[in-house]
Amino acid sequence: MGLMDKWTNGEREAPEPLEGNVVATVVTGTLVWLVLFLVQLPFYGWYADHGHTWWLWTCAAGAGLGCVGIWYVRARDAAIKRSQDG
């Protein structure tokens, strides 16, 4: 019996999905990435000198992907609302 067998052999039921304010969660995460990017930006020279510029670009990518995520979850919420109304 492998380590994953106890999770995949049907002994446990899957939990109900959590439904919360998904848009607020994604917006908050996106803002965190953006703030981290902006806080580090003045130190770009130090990061470049020490080979750590990927820290800045990771934060920028997180903020950019978060913007895509905001668009996605807003469209999802609108679609759910449309399906409930019609």
C-alpha atoms as a PDB file:
ATOM      1  CA  MET A   1       0.000   0.000   0.000  1.00  0.00           C
ATOM      2  CA  GLY A   2       1.580   3.250  -1.175  1.00  0.00           C
ATOM      3  CA  LEU A   3       1.514   6.567   0.599  1.00  0.00           C
ATOM      4  CA  MET A   4      -1.133   8.023  -1.717  1.00  0.00           C
ATOM      5  CA  ASP A   5      -3.413   4.956  -1.580  1.00  0.00           C
ATOM      6  CA  LYS A   6      -5.093   6.078   1.618  1.00  0.00           C
ATOM      7  CA  TRP A   7      -6.155   9.285  -0.175  1.00  0.00           C
ATOM      8  CA  THR A   8      -7.216   7.775  -3.471  1.00  0.00           C
ATOM      9  CA  ASN A   9      -8.863   4.445  -2.675  1.00  0.00           C
ATOM     10  CA  GLY A  10     -12.289   5.909  -1.861  1.00  0.00           C
ATOM     11  CA  GLU A  11     -12.106   5.660   1.928  1.00  0.00           C
ATOM     12  CA  ARG A  12     -12.519   9.413   2.276  1.00  0.00           C
ATOM     13  CA  GLU A  13     -15.112  11.641   0.699  1.00  0.00           C
ATOM     14  CA  ALA A  14     -14.038  14.811  -0.994  1.00  0.00           C
ATOM     15  CA  PRO A  15     -14.787  17.949   1.029  1.00  0.00           C
ATOM     16  CA  GLU A  16     -17.265  20.488  -0.263  1.00  0.00           C
ATOM     17  CA  PRO A  17     -15.631  23.307  -2.210  1.00  0.00           C
ATOM     18  CA  LEU A  18     -15.123  26.522  -0.296  1.00  0.00           C
ATOM     19  CA  GLU A  19     -17.100  29.409  -1.661  1.00  0.00           C
ATOM     20  CA  GLY A  20     -15.972  32.814  -0.552  1.00  0.00           C
ATOM     21  CA  ASN A  21     -15.376  36.163  -2.116  1.00  0.00           C
ATOM     22  CA  VAL A  22     -13.030  34.907  -4.819  1.00  0.00           C
ATOM     23  CA  VAL A  23     -12.696  38.305  -6.506  1.00  0.00           C
ATOM     24  CA  ALA A  24     -11.550  39.939  -3.252  1.00  0.00           C
ATOM     25  CA  THR A  25      -9.075  37.131  -2.637  1.00  0.00           C
ATOM     26  CA  VAL A  26      -7.515  37.443  -6.089  1.00  0.00           C
ATOM     27  CA  VAL A  27      -7.450  41.263  -5.895  1.00  0.00           C
ATOM     28  CA  THR A  28      -5.712  41.079  -2.502  1.00  0.00           C
ATOM     29  CA  GLY A  29      -3.106  38.632  -3.788  1.00  0.00           C
ATOM     30  CA  THR A  30      -2.499  40.761  -6.871  1.00  0.00           C
ATOM     31  CA  LEU A  31      -2.041  43.870  -4.751  1.00  0.00           C
ATOM     32  CA  VAL A  32       0.449  42.042  -2.528  1.00  0.00           C
ATOM     33  CA  TRP A  33       2.538  41.071  -5.577  1.00  0.00           C
ATOM     34  CA  LEU A  34       2.325  44.639  -6.928  1.00  0.00           C
ATOM     35  CA  VAL A  35       3.384  46.189  -3.614  1.00  0.00           C
ATOM     36  CA  LEU A  36       6.289  43.752  -3.327  1.00  0.00           C
ATOM     37  CA  PHE A  37       7.408  44.713  -6.831  1.00  0.00           C
ATOM     38  CA  LEU A  38       7.135  48.454  -6.142  1.00  0.00           C
ATOM     39  CA  VAL A  39       8.949  48.201  -2.803  1.00  0.00           C
ATOM     40  CA  GLN A  40      11.868  46.355  -4.405  1.00  0.00           C
ATOM     41  CA  LEU A  41      12.071  48.502  -7.534  1.00  0.00           C
ATOM     42  CA  PRO A  42      14.230  51.289  -6.000  1.00  0.00           C
ATOM     43  CA  PHE A  43      16.821  48.618  -5.124  1.00  0.00           C
ATOM     44  CA  TYR A  44      17.101  47.271  -8.659  1.00  0.00           C
ATOM     45  CA  GLY A  45      20.822  48.088  -8.780  1.00  0.00           C
ATOM     46  CA  TRP A  46      21.539  46.076  -5.662  1.00  0.00           C
ATOM     47  CA  TYR A  47      19.520  43.141  -6.982  1.00  0.00           C
ATOM     48  CA  ALA A  48      21.351  43.324 -10.314  1.00  0.00           C
ATOM     49  CA  ASP A  49      24.753  43.445  -8.599  1.00  0.00           C
ATOM     50  CA  HIS A  50      23.942  40.345  -6.566  1.00  0.00           C
ATOM     51  CA  GLY A  51      22.166  38.370  -9.279  1.00  0.00           C
ATOM     52  CA  HIS A  52      18.741  38.620  -7.669  1.00  0.00           C
ATOM     53  CA  THR A  53      16.756  40.556 -10.279  1.00  0.00           C
ATOM     54  CA  TRP A  54      14.520  37.510 -10.638  1.00  0.00           C
ATOM     55  CA  TRP A  55      12.954  38.543  -7.310  1.00  0.00           C
ATOM     56  CA  LEU A  56      11.603  41.709  -8.938  1.00  0.00           C
ATOM     57  CA  TRP A  57      10.441  39.944 -12.075  1.00  0.00           C
ATOM     58  CA  THR A  58       8.751  37.227 -10.037  1.00  0.00           C
ATOM     59  CA  CYS A  59       6.715  39.911  -8.261  1.00  0.00           C
ATOM     60  CA  ALA A  60       5.948  41.627 -11.572  1.00  0.00           C
ATOM     61  CA  ALA A  61       4.817  38.320 -13.058  1.00  0.00           C
ATOM     62  CA  GLY A  62       2.640  37.666  -9.998  1.00  0.00           C
ATOM     63  CA  ALA A  63       0.991  41.072 -10.382  1.00  0.00           C
ATOM     64  CA  GLY A  64       0.507  40.580 -14.129  1.00  0.00           C
ATOM     65  CA  LEU A  65      -0.942  37.095 -13.749  1.00  0.00           C
ATOM     66  CA  GLY A  66      -3.090  38.408 -10.916  1.00  0.00           C
ATOM     67  CA  CYS A  67      -4.606  40.936 -13.328  1.00  0.00           C
ATOM     68  CA  VAL A  68      -5.502  38.053 -15.633  1.00  0.00           C
ATOM     69  CA  GLY A  69      -6.929  36.257 -12.608  1.00  0.00           C
ATOM     70  CA  ILE A  70      -9.064  39.272 -11.680  1.00  0.00           C
ATOM     71  CA  TRP A  71     -10.488  39.366 -15.192  1.00  0.00           C
ATOM     72  CA  TYR A  72     -11.152  35.612 -15.054  1.00  0.00           C
ATOM     73  CA  VAL A  73     -12.903  35.499 -11.674  1.00  0.00           C
ATOM     74  CA  ARG A  74     -15.032  38.540 -12.503  1.00  0.00           C
ATOM     75  CA  ALA A  75     -16.113  36.890 -15.757  1.00  0.00           C
ATOM     76  CA  ARG A  76     -16.799  33.653 -13.841  1.00  0.00           C
ATOM     77  CA  ASP A  77     -18.925  35.452 -11.254  1.00  0.00           C
ATOM     78  CA  ALA A  78     -20.869  37.230 -14.021  1.00  0.00           C
ATOM     79  CA  ALA A  79     -21.492  33.924 -15.788  1.00  0.00           C
ATOM     80  CA  ILE A  80     -22.673  32.292 -12.567  1.00  0.00           C
ATOM     81  CA  LYS A  81     -24.994  35.220 -11.880  1.00  0.00           C
ATOM     82  CA  ARG A  82     -26.391  35.045 -15.451  1.00  0.00           C
ATOM     83  CA  SER A  83     -27.064  31.316 -15.121  1.00  0.00           C
ATOM     84  CA  GLN A  84     -28.900  31.822 -11.826  1.00  0.00           C
ATOM     85  CA  ASP A  85     -31.039  34.654 -13.226  1.00  0.00           C
ATOM     86  CA  GLY A  86     -32.076  32.860 -16.385  1.00  0.00           C
END
